[in-house]
Amino acid sequence: MSAPTRQMNMIEAIRDALDVKMSQDPDVLVFGEDVGYFGGVFRCTAGLQEKHGLHRCFDTPISEGGIVGIAVGMAANGLRPVAEIQFADYIYPGYDQIASEAARLRYRSNGDFTAPLTIRTPVGGGIFGGTTHSQSPEALFTHISGLKTIIPSNPYDAKGLLIQAIEDNDPVLFLEPKRLYNGPFDGDPHKPAVSWAKHELGQVPEGHYTVPFETVRQFSEGDDLTILAYGTMVWVAENAAREAGVNADILDIRSLLPLDIDAISASVKKTGRCLILHEATRTSGFGAELSAQVAEHCFFSLEAPIVRVTGWDTPYPHAQEWAFFPGPKRVINGIRKVMDAG
């Protein structure tokens, strides 16, 4: 018998995942800047301190290196901390702790210690956050051996993937596309926001469930081309493919590392064409890794060169946010390029 579902947006789904695990496991703690009494800048932790107590959900100083360092120490001693970095743009002071300590702990100790910690942080633009509140640094973390990098595109996946992350015995970076917190976004800033209540992925099972890592979500099925996207860009891809009049196999790469290359390969071998879409800057973005993997596994099935549509190689501009953001028009141009080639 399937569990009953409840309508949630992504904020509510993330909060529910944290509540489920904090209720089940006294070793799960939540902390970060303003996550306690205030409930987080996006309200993802609202009510958790009141329900679970000051020692389970608490505020920290403005020190990302300290936040991650504390989490590593807690995890090494048997706790399951969930640390929030208020914006992904602020994560860099904690990068050394993530790369040199958390991700290496199991290997360096020959398995004597592990780091079962989760780091949550909002990513991406679309809210006029400017250059210091809009970055998408996922590629920097997929380069770190021993760290898992996850990015959901909807409330259902957000809850299941976050519970999976908290239960994982190794460190997980959990990236939350802030433009999707309250509803799907198709890339057109002039259209009103769409409520998650109007989409099936806003129906979230109550209680405990997980979404396994190293899996992609088949967002739409088609034979014309494969579009690889994640986070906000999944919804932009759907809108662009519809406007371009193509039947696209859209794969939501919700687990960047580990990566389900088998599902990706099967799709590209079926369609023979591949477009890769992400919001982050182009050079050395995660799309470059996806492109290399597709070329290695599907070279003899490709009927056209792989096309990437990405953000520009510039800081995220405040005044020209929608010029940077790879919206439907740019994606449609990319679709036409890959469809007309070969």
C-alpha atoms as a PDB file:
ATOM      1  CA  MET A   1       0.000   0.000   0.000  1.00  0.00           C
ATOM      2  CA  SER A   2       1.505   3.321  -1.044  1.00  0.00           C
ATOM      3  CA  ALA A   3       2.027   6.075   1.510  1.00  0.00           C
ATOM      4  CA  PRO A   4      -0.408   9.005   1.504  1.00  0.00           C
ATOM      5  CA  THR A   5       0.872  12.121  -0.194  1.00  0.00           C
ATOM      6  CA  ARG A   6       0.702  15.789   0.673  1.00  0.00           C
ATOM      7  CA  GLN A   7       1.092  18.846  -1.547  1.00  0.00           C
ATOM      8  CA  MET A   8       4.444  20.536  -0.901  1.00  0.00           C
ATOM      9  CA  ASN A   9       6.752  23.032  -2.500  1.00  0.00           C
ATOM     10  CA  MET A  10      10.475  22.362  -2.411  1.00  0.00           C
ATOM     11  CA  ILE A  11      10.988  24.357   0.781  1.00  0.00           C
ATOM     12  CA  GLU A  12       8.369  22.279   2.565  1.00  0.00           C
ATOM     13  CA  ALA A  13       9.754  19.020   1.163  1.00  0.00           C
ATOM     14  CA  ILE A  14      13.259  19.815   2.400  1.00  0.00           C
ATOM     15  CA  ARG A  15      11.927  20.827   5.808  1.00  0.00           C
ATOM     16  CA  ASP A  16       9.877  17.618   5.962  1.00  0.00           C
ATOM     17  CA  ALA A  17      12.917  15.487   5.114  1.00  0.00           C
ATOM     18  CA  LEU A  18      14.888  17.122   7.923  1.00  0.00           C
ATOM     19  CA  ASP A  19      11.981  16.663  10.335  1.00  0.00           C
ATOM     20  CA  VAL A  20      11.582  12.991   9.414  1.00  0.00           C
ATOM     21  CA  LYS A  21      15.246  12.224  10.035  1.00  0.00           C
ATOM     22  CA  MET A  22      15.490  14.325  13.199  1.00  0.00           C
ATOM     23  CA  SER A  23      12.446  12.496  14.568  1.00  0.00           C
ATOM     24  CA  GLN A  24      13.863   9.076  13.663  1.00  0.00           C
ATOM     25  CA  ASP A  25      17.501   9.558  14.630  1.00  0.00           C
ATOM     26  CA  PRO A  26      18.718  11.593  17.634  1.00  0.00           C
ATOM     27  CA  ASP A  27      22.174  11.789  16.034  1.00  0.00           C
ATOM     28  CA  VAL A  28      20.873  14.054  13.231  1.00  0.00           C
ATOM     29  CA  LEU A  29      21.574  17.734  13.903  1.00  0.00           C
ATOM     30  CA  VAL A  30      20.866  20.808  11.775  1.00  0.00           C
ATOM     31  CA  PHE A  31      22.924  23.979  12.013  1.00  0.00           C
ATOM     32  CA  GLY A  32      24.121  27.002  10.065  1.00  0.00           C
ATOM     33  CA  GLU A  33      23.661  30.742   9.839  1.00  0.00           C
ATOM     34  CA  ASP A  34      20.149  31.785  10.944  1.00  0.00           C
ATOM     35  CA  VAL A  35      18.702  28.262  10.647  1.00  0.00           C
ATOM     36  CA  GLY A  36      17.427  28.119  14.234  1.00  0.00           C
ATOM     37  CA  TYR A  37      15.053  30.754  15.584  1.00  0.00           C
ATOM     38  CA  PHE A  38      14.674  32.492  12.205  1.00  0.00           C
ATOM     39  CA  GLY A  39      14.243  29.241  10.258  1.00  0.00           C
ATOM     40  CA  GLY A  40      16.762  29.993   7.518  1.00  0.00           C
ATOM     41  CA  VAL A  41      16.877  32.745   4.935  1.00  0.00           C
ATOM     42  CA  PHE A  42      14.524  30.701   2.712  1.00  0.00           C
ATOM     43  CA  ARG A  43      12.602  29.226   5.687  1.00  0.00           C
ATOM     44  CA  CYS A  44      13.693  25.655   4.970  1.00  0.00           C
ATOM     45  CA  THR A  45      14.317  24.991   8.675  1.00  0.00           C
ATOM     46  CA  ALA A  46      11.368  26.938  10.102  1.00  0.00           C
ATOM     47  CA  GLY A  47       9.937  25.282  13.214  1.00  0.00           C
ATOM     48  CA  LEU A  48      12.672  22.663  13.602  1.00  0.00           C
ATOM     49  CA  GLN A  49      14.328  24.355  16.576  1.00  0.00           C
ATOM     50  CA  GLU A  50      10.992  24.754  18.342  1.00  0.00           C
ATOM     51  CA  LYS A  51      10.142  21.083  17.778  1.00  0.00           C
ATOM     52  CA  HIS A  52      13.530  19.417  18.313  1.00  0.00           C
ATOM     53  CA  GLY A  53      15.259  21.804  20.689  1.00  0.00           C
ATOM     54  CA  LEU A  54      18.170  24.240  20.751  1.00  0.00           C
ATOM     55  CA  HIS A  55      20.766  21.454  20.844  1.00  0.00           C
ATOM     56  CA  ARG A  56      19.420  19.782  17.674  1.00  0.00           C
ATOM     57  CA  CYS A  57      18.840  22.853  15.466  1.00  0.00           C
ATOM     58  CA  PHE A  58      21.043  25.826  16.202  1.00  0.00           C
ATOM     59  CA  ASP A  59      22.630  28.953  14.758  1.00  0.00           C
ATOM     60  CA  THR A  60      26.344  29.296  14.079  1.00  0.00           C
ATOM     61  CA  PRO A  61      28.728  32.227  13.675  1.00  0.00           C
ATOM     62  CA  ILE A  62      29.286  33.596  10.173  1.00  0.00           C
ATOM     63  CA  SER A  63      32.173  31.227   9.449  1.00  0.00           C
ATOM     64  CA  GLU A  64      31.702  28.691   6.679  1.00  0.00           C
ATOM     65  CA  GLY A  65      35.057  27.066   7.388  1.00  0.00           C
ATOM     66  CA  GLY A  66      33.979  26.671  11.001  1.00  0.00           C
ATOM     67  CA  ILE A  67      30.558  25.311  10.050  1.00  0.00           C
ATOM     68  CA  VAL A  68      32.037  22.590   7.829  1.00  0.00           C
ATOM     69  CA  GLY A  69      34.900  21.891  10.234  1.00  0.00           C
ATOM     70  CA  ILE A  70      32.471  21.341  13.106  1.00  0.00           C
ATOM     71  CA  ALA A  71      30.379  19.076  10.900  1.00  0.00           C
ATOM     72  CA  VAL A  72      33.410  16.947  10.010  1.00  0.00           C
ATOM     73  CA  GLY A  73      34.309  16.540  13.683  1.00  0.00           C
ATOM     74  CA  MET A  74      30.746  15.629  14.611  1.00  0.00           C
ATOM     75  CA  ALA A  75      30.492  13.105  11.774  1.00  0.00           C
ATOM     76  CA  ALA A  76      33.805  11.476  12.680  1.00  0.00           C
ATOM     77  CA  ASN A  77      32.473  10.951  16.192  1.00  0.00           C
ATOM     78  CA  GLY A  78      29.229   9.255  15.243  1.00  0.00           C
ATOM     79  CA  LEU A  79      26.745  12.066  14.649  1.00  0.00           C
ATOM     80  CA  ARG A  80      24.959  12.831  11.359  1.00  0.00           C
ATOM     81  CA  PRO A  81      25.179  16.597  10.961  1.00  0.00           C
ATOM     82  CA  VAL A  82      23.296  18.563   8.309  1.00  0.00           C
ATOM     83  CA  ALA A  83      25.094  21.866   7.805  1.00  0.00           C
ATOM     84  CA  GLU A  84      23.556  24.711   5.835  1.00  0.00           C
ATOM     85  CA  ILE A  85      25.659  27.190   3.886  1.00  0.00           C
ATOM     86  CA  GLN A  86      23.330  30.140   3.411  1.00  0.00           C
ATOM     87  CA  PHE A  87      24.222  30.642  -0.279  1.00  0.00           C
ATOM     88  CA  ALA A  88      26.526  28.516  -2.437  1.00  0.00           C
ATOM     89  CA  ASP A  89      28.474  31.711  -3.111  1.00  0.00           C
ATOM     90  CA  TYR A  90      29.624  31.582   0.530  1.00  0.00           C
ATOM     91  CA  ILE A  91      30.891  28.012   0.472  1.00  0.00           C
ATOM     92  CA  TYR A  92      34.456  28.755  -0.620  1.00  0.00           C
ATOM     93  CA  PRO A  93      35.890  29.416   2.884  1.00  0.00           C
ATOM     94  CA  GLY A  94      34.767  25.860   3.722  1.00  0.00           C
ATOM     95  CA  TYR A  95      36.134  24.303   0.537  1.00  0.00           C
ATOM     96  CA  ASP A  96      39.359  23.101   2.139  1.00  0.00           C
ATOM     97  CA  GLN A  97      37.446  21.368   4.925  1.00  0.00           C
ATOM     98  CA  ILE A  98      35.187  19.682   2.360  1.00  0.00           C
ATOM     99  CA  ALA A  99      37.944  18.616  -0.054  1.00  0.00           C
ATOM    100  CA  SER A 100      40.823  17.886   2.333  1.00  0.00           C
ATOM    101  CA  GLU A 101      38.980  16.578   5.387  1.00  0.00           C
ATOM    102  CA  ALA A 102      35.410  15.377   4.799  1.00  0.00           C
ATOM    103  CA  ALA A 103      35.986  13.742   1.411  1.00  0.00           C
ATOM    104  CA  ARG A 104      39.298  12.152   2.426  1.00  0.00           C
ATOM    105  CA  LEU A 105      38.508  10.953   5.934  1.00  0.00           C
ATOM    106  CA  ARG A 106      37.513   7.371   5.104  1.00  0.00           C
ATOM    107  CA  TYR A 107      40.541   6.883   2.826  1.00  0.00           C
ATOM    108  CA  ARG A 108      43.063   8.575   5.124  1.00  0.00           C
ATOM    109  CA  SER A 109      41.953   6.530   8.134  1.00  0.00           C
ATOM    110  CA  ASN A 110      41.759   3.216   6.238  1.00  0.00           C
ATOM    111  CA  GLY A 111      38.062   3.055   7.103  1.00  0.00           C
ATOM    112  CA  ASP A 112      38.473   3.705  10.826  1.00  0.00           C
ATOM    113  CA  PHE A 113      36.526   6.972  10.449  1.00  0.00           C
ATOM    114  CA  THR A 114      33.809   8.121   8.096  1.00  0.00           C
ATOM    115  CA  ALA A 115      32.163  11.476   7.486  1.00  0.00           C
ATOM    116  CA  PRO A 116      28.386  10.930   7.266  1.00  0.00           C
ATOM    117  CA  LEU A 117      27.583  14.611   6.853  1.00  0.00           C
ATOM    118  CA  THR A 118      25.315  16.551   4.516  1.00  0.00           C
ATOM    119  CA  ILE A 119      25.970  20.107   3.376  1.00  0.00           C
ATOM    120  CA  ARG A 120      22.894  21.916   2.052  1.00  0.00           C
ATOM    121  CA  THR A 121      23.179  25.120   0.055  1.00  0.00           C
ATOM    122  CA  PRO A 122      20.998  27.108  -2.395  1.00  0.00           C
ATOM    123  CA  VAL A 123      22.390  27.578  -5.909  1.00  0.00           C
ATOM    124  CA  GLY A 124      21.624  29.446  -9.107  1.00  0.00           C
ATOM    125  CA  GLY A 125      20.069  32.719 -10.154  1.00  0.00           C
ATOM    126  CA  GLY A 126      16.670  33.927 -11.146  1.00  0.00           C
ATOM    127  CA  ILE A 127      15.953  35.942  -7.986  1.00  0.00           C
ATOM    128  CA  PHE A 128      18.057  39.050  -8.744  1.00  0.00           C
ATOM    129  CA  GLY A 129      20.640  38.029  -6.172  1.00  0.00           C
ATOM    130  CA  GLY A 130      23.513  39.539  -8.117  1.00  0.00           C
ATOM    131  CA  THR A 131      27.028  38.256  -8.426  1.00  0.00           C
ATOM    132  CA  THR A 132      27.388  37.098  -4.798  1.00  0.00           C
ATOM    133  CA  HIS A 133      24.052  35.268  -4.416  1.00  0.00           C
ATOM    134  CA  SER A 134      23.578  33.478  -7.743  1.00  0.00           C
ATOM    135  CA  GLN A 135      26.521  31.161  -8.398  1.00  0.00           C
ATOM    136  CA  SER A 136      26.360  27.510  -9.467  1.00  0.00           C
ATOM    137  CA  PRO A 137      29.684  25.994  -8.355  1.00  0.00           C
ATOM    138  CA  GLU A 138      28.742  22.321  -8.735  1.00  0.00           C
ATOM    139  CA  ALA A 139      31.621  21.490 -11.094  1.00  0.00           C
ATOM    140  CA  LEU A 140      34.180  22.404  -8.427  1.00  0.00           C
ATOM    141  CA  PHE A 141      32.788  19.692  -6.180  1.00  0.00           C
ATOM    142  CA  THR A 142      32.297  16.910  -8.715  1.00  0.00           C
ATOM    143  CA  HIS A 143      36.090  17.014  -9.093  1.00  0.00           C
ATOM    144  CA  ILE A 144      36.516  15.857  -5.466  1.00  0.00           C
ATOM    145  CA  SER A 145      36.879  12.112  -4.996  1.00  0.00           C
ATOM    146  CA  GLY A 146      34.894  10.870  -2.007  1.00  0.00           C
ATOM    147  CA  LEU A 147      32.185  13.534  -2.177  1.00  0.00           C
ATOM    148  CA  LYS A 148      28.714  12.988  -3.641  1.00  0.00           C
ATOM    149  CA  THR A 149      27.011  15.915  -5.398  1.00  0.00           C
ATOM    150  CA  ILE A 150      23.231  15.994  -5.670  1.00  0.00           C
ATOM    151  CA  ILE A 151      20.814  18.580  -7.122  1.00  0.00           C
ATOM    152  CA  PRO A 152      17.017  18.007  -7.164  1.00  0.00           C
ATOM    153  CA  SER A 153      14.610  19.669  -9.573  1.00  0.00           C
ATOM    154  CA  ASN A 154      11.325  19.092  -7.721  1.00  0.00           C
ATOM    155  CA  PRO A 155       9.837  18.538  -4.246  1.00  0.00           C
ATOM    156  CA  TYR A 156       9.433  14.765  -4.583  1.00  0.00           C
ATOM    157  CA  ASP A 157      13.107  14.258  -5.400  1.00  0.00           C
ATOM    158  CA  ALA A 158      14.222  16.906  -2.906  1.00  0.00           C
ATOM    159  CA  LYS A 159      12.760  15.018   0.041  1.00  0.00           C
ATOM    160  CA  GLY A 160      13.797  11.529  -1.073  1.00  0.00           C
ATOM    161  CA  LEU A 161      17.311  12.545  -2.063  1.00  0.00           C
ATOM    162  CA  LEU A 162      17.872  14.530   1.134  1.00  0.00           C
ATOM    163  CA  ILE A 163      16.840  11.607   3.326  1.00  0.00           C
ATOM    164  CA  GLN A 164      19.152   9.399   1.284  1.00  0.00           C
ATOM    165  CA  ALA A 165      21.947  11.950   1.792  1.00  0.00           C
ATOM    166  CA  ILE A 166      21.497  12.078   5.558  1.00  0.00           C
ATOM    167  CA  GLU A 167      21.561   8.278   5.760  1.00  0.00           C
ATOM    168  CA  ASP A 168      24.665   7.975   3.565  1.00  0.00           C
ATOM    169  CA  ASN A 169      27.888   7.137   5.384  1.00  0.00           C
ATOM    170  CA  ASP A 170      29.959   9.506   3.258  1.00  0.00           C
ATOM    171  CA  PRO A 171      29.743  13.288   2.743  1.00  0.00           C
ATOM    172  CA  VAL A 172      27.078  14.646   0.417  1.00  0.00           C
ATOM    173  CA  LEU A 173      26.817  18.132  -1.068  1.00  0.00           C
ATOM    174  CA  PHE A 174      23.106  18.840  -1.535  1.00  0.00           C
ATOM    175  CA  LEU A 175      22.508  21.737  -3.919  1.00  0.00           C
ATOM    176  CA  GLU A 176      19.079  23.387  -3.897  1.00  0.00           C
ATOM    177  CA  PRO A 177      18.037  25.491  -6.942  1.00  0.00           C
ATOM    178  CA  LYS A 178      16.567  28.512  -5.197  1.00  0.00           C
ATOM    179  CA  ARG A 179      14.523  29.522  -8.261  1.00  0.00           C
ATOM    180  CA  LEU A 180      12.527  26.294  -7.821  1.00  0.00           C
ATOM    181  CA  TYR A 181      11.806  26.604  -4.104  1.00  0.00           C
ATOM    182  CA  ASN A 182       8.245  27.860  -4.643  1.00  0.00           C
ATOM    183  CA  GLY A 183       7.376  26.382  -8.024  1.00  0.00           C
ATOM    184  CA  PRO A 184       8.548  25.250 -11.484  1.00  0.00           C
ATOM    185  CA  PHE A 185      10.238  27.850 -13.667  1.00  0.00           C
ATOM    186  CA  ASP A 186      10.323  27.554 -17.444  1.00  0.00           C
ATOM    187  CA  GLY A 187      12.899  30.288 -17.974  1.00  0.00           C
ATOM    188  CA  ASP A 188      10.578  33.107 -18.977  1.00  0.00           C
ATOM    189  CA  PRO A 189      10.867  35.894 -16.373  1.00  0.00           C
ATOM    190  CA  HIS A 190       7.755  37.603 -17.719  1.00  0.00           C
ATOM    191  CA  LYS A 191       5.453  34.697 -16.915  1.00  0.00           C
ATOM    192  CA  PRO A 192       3.879  34.360 -13.448  1.00  0.00           C
ATOM    193  CA  ALA A 193       5.261  31.673 -11.174  1.00  0.00           C
ATOM    194  CA  VAL A 194       3.616  28.254 -11.473  1.00  0.00           C
ATOM    195  CA  SER A 195       2.580  26.553  -8.245  1.00  0.00           C
ATOM    196  CA  TRP A 196       3.896  23.094  -7.408  1.00  0.00           C
ATOM    197  CA  ALA A 197       0.254  22.297  -6.618  1.00  0.00           C
ATOM    198  CA  LYS A 198      -0.330  22.105 -10.381  1.00  0.00           C
ATOM    199  CA  HIS A 199       2.354  19.469 -10.951  1.00  0.00           C
ATOM    200  CA  GLU A 200       2.420  15.819  -9.931  1.00  0.00           C
ATOM    201  CA  LEU A 201       5.965  16.159  -8.597  1.00  0.00           C
ATOM    202  CA  GLY A 202       4.544  18.454  -5.923  1.00  0.00           C
ATOM    203  CA  GLN A 203       2.706  15.454  -4.451  1.00  0.00           C
ATOM    204  CA  VAL A 204       5.158  14.229  -1.811  1.00  0.00           C
ATOM    205  CA  PRO A 205       4.721  11.015   0.206  1.00  0.00           C
ATOM    206  CA  GLU A 206       4.407  11.481   3.938  1.00  0.00           C
ATOM    207  CA  GLY A 207       6.955   9.880   6.239  1.00  0.00           C
ATOM    208  CA  HIS A 208      10.164   8.179   5.209  1.00  0.00           C
ATOM    209  CA  TYR A 209      11.207   7.335   1.663  1.00  0.00           C
ATOM    210  CA  THR A 210      14.422   7.653  -0.333  1.00  0.00           C
ATOM    211  CA  VAL A 211      15.434   8.346  -3.906  1.00  0.00           C
ATOM    212  CA  PRO A 212      18.639   6.437  -4.706  1.00  0.00           C
ATOM    213  CA  PHE A 213      21.734   8.217  -5.915  1.00  0.00           C
ATOM    214  CA  GLU A 214      23.264   7.422  -9.327  1.00  0.00           C
ATOM    215  CA  THR A 215      19.858   7.577 -10.983  1.00  0.00           C
ATOM    216  CA  VAL A 216      18.413  10.000 -13.513  1.00  0.00           C
ATOM    217  CA  ARG A 217      14.766  10.975 -13.812  1.00  0.00           C
ATOM    218  CA  GLN A 218      13.253  10.466 -17.257  1.00  0.00           C
ATOM    219  CA  PHE A 219      11.572  13.863 -17.424  1.00  0.00           C
ATOM    220  CA  SER A 220      10.133  13.408 -20.913  1.00  0.00           C
ATOM    221  CA  GLU A 221      10.479  10.813 -23.654  1.00  0.00           C
ATOM    222  CA  GLY A 222      11.278  11.412 -27.301  1.00  0.00           C
ATOM    223  CA  ASP A 223      13.277  10.211 -30.264  1.00  0.00           C
ATOM    224  CA  ASP A 224      14.551  13.464 -31.798  1.00  0.00           C
ATOM    225  CA  LEU A 225      17.355  14.325 -29.385  1.00  0.00           C
ATOM    226  CA  THR A 226      18.560  13.868 -25.829  1.00  0.00           C
ATOM    227  CA  ILE A 227      18.717  16.885 -23.507  1.00  0.00           C
ATOM    228  CA  LEU A 228      20.821  16.484 -20.366  1.00  0.00           C
ATOM    229  CA  ALA A 229      19.970  19.019 -17.663  1.00  0.00           C
ATOM    230  CA  TYR A 230      19.618  19.364 -13.906  1.00  0.00           C
ATOM    231  CA  GLY A 231      18.009  21.666 -11.378  1.00  0.00           C
ATOM    232  CA  THR A 232      16.182  24.670 -12.816  1.00  0.00           C
ATOM    233  CA  MET A 233      17.335  23.880 -16.341  1.00  0.00           C
ATOM    234  CA  VAL A 234      15.188  20.739 -16.539  1.00  0.00           C
ATOM    235  CA  TRP A 235      12.096  22.934 -16.672  1.00  0.00           C
ATOM    236  CA  VAL A 236      13.679  25.346 -19.139  1.00  0.00           C
ATOM    237  CA  ALA A 237      14.549  22.366 -21.361  1.00  0.00           C
ATOM    238  CA  GLU A 238      10.958  21.129 -21.297  1.00  0.00           C
ATOM    239  CA  ASN A 239       9.615  24.554 -22.284  1.00  0.00           C
ATOM    240  CA  ALA A 240      12.197  25.043 -25.037  1.00  0.00           C
ATOM    241  CA  ALA A 241      11.657  21.599 -26.537  1.00  0.00           C
ATOM    242  CA  ARG A 242       7.908  22.196 -26.653  1.00  0.00           C
ATOM    243  CA  GLU A 243       8.332  25.603 -28.330  1.00  0.00           C
ATOM    244  CA  ALA A 244      10.871  24.173 -30.789  1.00  0.00           C
ATOM    245  CA  GLY A 245       8.452  21.413 -31.747  1.00  0.00           C
ATOM    246  CA  VAL A 246      10.799  18.515 -31.030  1.00  0.00           C
ATOM    247  CA  ASN A 247      10.227  15.269 -29.162  1.00  0.00           C
ATOM    248  CA  ALA A 248      13.108  15.311 -26.716  1.00  0.00           C
ATOM    249  CA  ASP A 249      14.381  12.705 -24.309  1.00  0.00           C
ATOM    250  CA  ILE A 250      14.952  15.038 -21.330  1.00  0.00           C
ATOM    251  CA  LEU A 251      17.024  13.464 -18.574  1.00  0.00           C
ATOM    252  CA  ASP A 252      17.157  15.097 -15.161  1.00  0.00           C
ATOM    253  CA  ILE A 253      20.723  14.454 -13.946  1.00  0.00           C
ATOM    254  CA  ARG A 254      19.752  14.774 -10.291  1.00  0.00           C
ATOM    255  CA  SER A 255      22.863  12.865  -9.173  1.00  0.00           C
ATOM    256  CA  LEU A 256      25.939  14.538 -10.675  1.00  0.00           C
ATOM    257  CA  LEU A 257      28.295  12.298  -8.744  1.00  0.00           C
ATOM    258  CA  PRO A 258      27.773   9.361  -8.774  1.00  0.00           C
ATOM    259  CA  LEU A 259      26.583   9.616 -12.369  1.00  0.00           C
ATOM    260  CA  ASP A 260      24.219   7.200 -14.115  1.00  0.00           C
ATOM    261  CA  ILE A 261      26.137   7.028 -17.378  1.00  0.00           C
ATOM    262  CA  ASP A 262      24.268   3.874 -18.459  1.00  0.00           C
ATOM    263  CA  ALA A 263      20.921   5.692 -18.624  1.00  0.00           C
ATOM    264  CA  ILE A 264      22.532   8.648 -20.387  1.00  0.00           C
ATOM    265  CA  SER A 265      24.223   6.393 -22.930  1.00  0.00           C
ATOM    266  CA  ALA A 266      21.033   4.489 -23.639  1.00  0.00           C
ATOM    267  CA  SER A 267      19.184   7.711 -24.403  1.00  0.00           C
ATOM    268  CA  VAL A 268      21.882   9.198 -26.645  1.00  0.00           C
ATOM    269  CA  LYS A 269      22.293   5.927 -28.545  1.00  0.00           C
ATOM    270  CA  LYS A 270      18.545   5.955 -29.157  1.00  0.00           C
ATOM    271  CA  THR A 271      18.305   9.573 -30.388  1.00  0.00           C
ATOM    272  CA  GLY A 272      21.766  10.082 -31.909  1.00  0.00           C
ATOM    273  CA  ARG A 273      21.813  13.748 -30.841  1.00  0.00           C
ATOM    274  CA  CYS A 274      22.676  15.416 -27.545  1.00  0.00           C
ATOM    275  CA  LEU A 275      22.248  18.874 -26.068  1.00  0.00           C
ATOM    276  CA  ILE A 276      23.666  19.652 -22.615  1.00  0.00           C
ATOM    277  CA  LEU A 277      22.177  22.458 -20.563  1.00  0.00           C
ATOM    278  CA  HIS A 278      23.292  24.103 -17.317  1.00  0.00           C
ATOM    279  CA  GLU A 279      23.198  27.528 -15.702  1.00  0.00           C
ATOM    280  CA  ALA A 280      26.814  27.614 -14.525  1.00  0.00           C
ATOM    281  CA  THR A 281      29.563  29.228 -16.562  1.00  0.00           C
ATOM    282  CA  ARG A 282      30.628  27.326 -19.664  1.00  0.00           C
ATOM    283  CA  THR A 283      34.376  26.744 -19.330  1.00  0.00           C
ATOM    284  CA  SER A 284      35.082  23.657 -17.192  1.00  0.00           C
ATOM    285  CA  GLY A 285      31.409  23.477 -16.240  1.00  0.00           C
ATOM    286  CA  PHE A 286      29.862  20.092 -15.476  1.00  0.00           C
ATOM    287  CA  GLY A 287      28.537  20.059 -19.035  1.00  0.00           C
ATOM    288  CA  ALA A 288      32.102  19.542 -20.238  1.00  0.00           C
ATOM    289  CA  GLU A 289      32.307  16.316 -18.220  1.00  0.00           C
ATOM    290  CA  LEU A 290      28.924  15.186 -19.526  1.00  0.00           C
ATOM    291  CA  SER A 291      30.066  15.942 -23.072  1.00  0.00           C
ATOM    292  CA  ALA A 292      33.238  13.910 -22.614  1.00  0.00           C
ATOM    293  CA  GLN A 293      31.321  10.971 -21.151  1.00  0.00           C
ATOM    294  CA  VAL A 294      28.800  11.009 -24.001  1.00  0.00           C
ATOM    295  CA  ALA A 295      31.594  11.172 -26.575  1.00  0.00           C
ATOM    296  CA  GLU A 296      33.416   8.266 -24.962  1.00  0.00           C
ATOM    297  CA  HIS A 297      30.367   6.028 -24.652  1.00  0.00           C
ATOM    298  CA  CYS A 298      28.270   7.030 -27.663  1.00  0.00           C
ATOM    299  CA  PHE A 299      30.667   8.264 -30.333  1.00  0.00           C
ATOM    300  CA  PHE A 300      29.566   5.841 -33.063  1.00  0.00           C
ATOM    301  CA  SER A 301      25.876   6.582 -32.382  1.00  0.00           C
ATOM    302  CA  LEU A 302      26.137  10.369 -32.658  1.00  0.00           C
ATOM    303  CA  GLU A 303      24.658  11.885 -35.810  1.00  0.00           C
ATOM    304  CA  ALA A 304      25.709  15.455 -34.920  1.00  0.00           C
ATOM    305  CA  PRO A 305      28.216  17.219 -32.655  1.00  0.00           C
ATOM    306  CA  ILE A 306      27.261  17.597 -28.992  1.00  0.00           C
ATOM    307  CA  VAL A 307      25.950  21.090 -28.217  1.00  0.00           C
ATOM    308  CA  ARG A 308      26.245  22.902 -24.875  1.00  0.00           C
ATOM    309  CA  VAL A 309      23.993  25.764 -23.758  1.00  0.00           C
ATOM    310  CA  THR A 310      25.258  27.371 -20.559  1.00  0.00           C
ATOM    311  CA  GLY A 311      25.806  30.561 -18.617  1.00  0.00           C
ATOM    312  CA  TRP A 312      28.499  32.915 -19.870  1.00  0.00           C
ATOM    313  CA  ASP A 313      32.096  33.009 -18.659  1.00  0.00           C
ATOM    314  CA  THR A 314      31.444  36.112 -16.572  1.00  0.00           C
ATOM    315  CA  PRO A 315      30.333  36.878 -13.027  1.00  0.00           C
ATOM    316  CA  TYR A 316      26.557  36.619 -12.670  1.00  0.00           C
ATOM    317  CA  PRO A 317      25.361  40.162 -13.471  1.00  0.00           C
ATOM    318  CA  HIS A 318      22.597  41.777 -11.448  1.00  0.00           C
ATOM    319  CA  ALA A 319      21.290  44.228 -14.067  1.00  0.00           C
ATOM    320  CA  GLN A 320      21.611  41.716 -16.938  1.00  0.00           C
ATOM    321  CA  GLU A 321      20.511  38.585 -15.137  1.00  0.00           C
ATOM    322  CA  TRP A 322      18.317  37.326 -17.978  1.00  0.00           C
ATOM    323  CA  ALA A 323      21.096  37.853 -20.508  1.00  0.00           C
ATOM    324  CA  PHE A 324      23.282  35.499 -18.466  1.00  0.00           C
ATOM    325  CA  PHE A 325      20.554  32.980 -17.681  1.00  0.00           C
ATOM    326  CA  PRO A 326      20.297  30.355 -20.482  1.00  0.00           C
ATOM    327  CA  GLY A 327      16.606  30.848 -21.188  1.00  0.00           C
ATOM    328  CA  PRO A 328      14.279  29.262 -23.741  1.00  0.00           C
ATOM    329  CA  LYS A 329      15.453  31.320 -26.729  1.00  0.00           C
ATOM    330  CA  ARG A 330      19.081  30.245 -26.284  1.00  0.00           C
ATOM    331  CA  VAL A 331      18.030  26.649 -25.707  1.00  0.00           C
ATOM    332  CA  ILE A 332      15.846  26.676 -28.823  1.00  0.00           C
ATOM    333  CA  ASN A 333      18.810  27.959 -30.829  1.00  0.00           C
ATOM    334  CA  GLY A 334      20.872  25.104 -29.409  1.00  0.00           C
ATOM    335  CA  ILE A 335      18.180  22.590 -30.316  1.00  0.00           C
ATOM    336  CA  ARG A 336      18.089  23.867 -33.888  1.00  0.00           C
ATOM    337  CA  LYS A 337      21.855  23.711 -34.099  1.00  0.00           C
ATOM    338  CA  VAL A 338      22.032  20.084 -33.059  1.00  0.00           C
ATOM    339  CA  MET A 339      19.001  19.087 -35.165  1.00  0.00           C
ATOM    340  CA  ASP A 340      20.272  20.797 -38.322  1.00  0.00           C
ATOM    341  CA  ALA A 341      23.785  19.352 -38.081  1.00  0.00           C
ATOM    342  CA  GLY A 342      24.875  15.996 -39.434  1.00  0.00           C
END
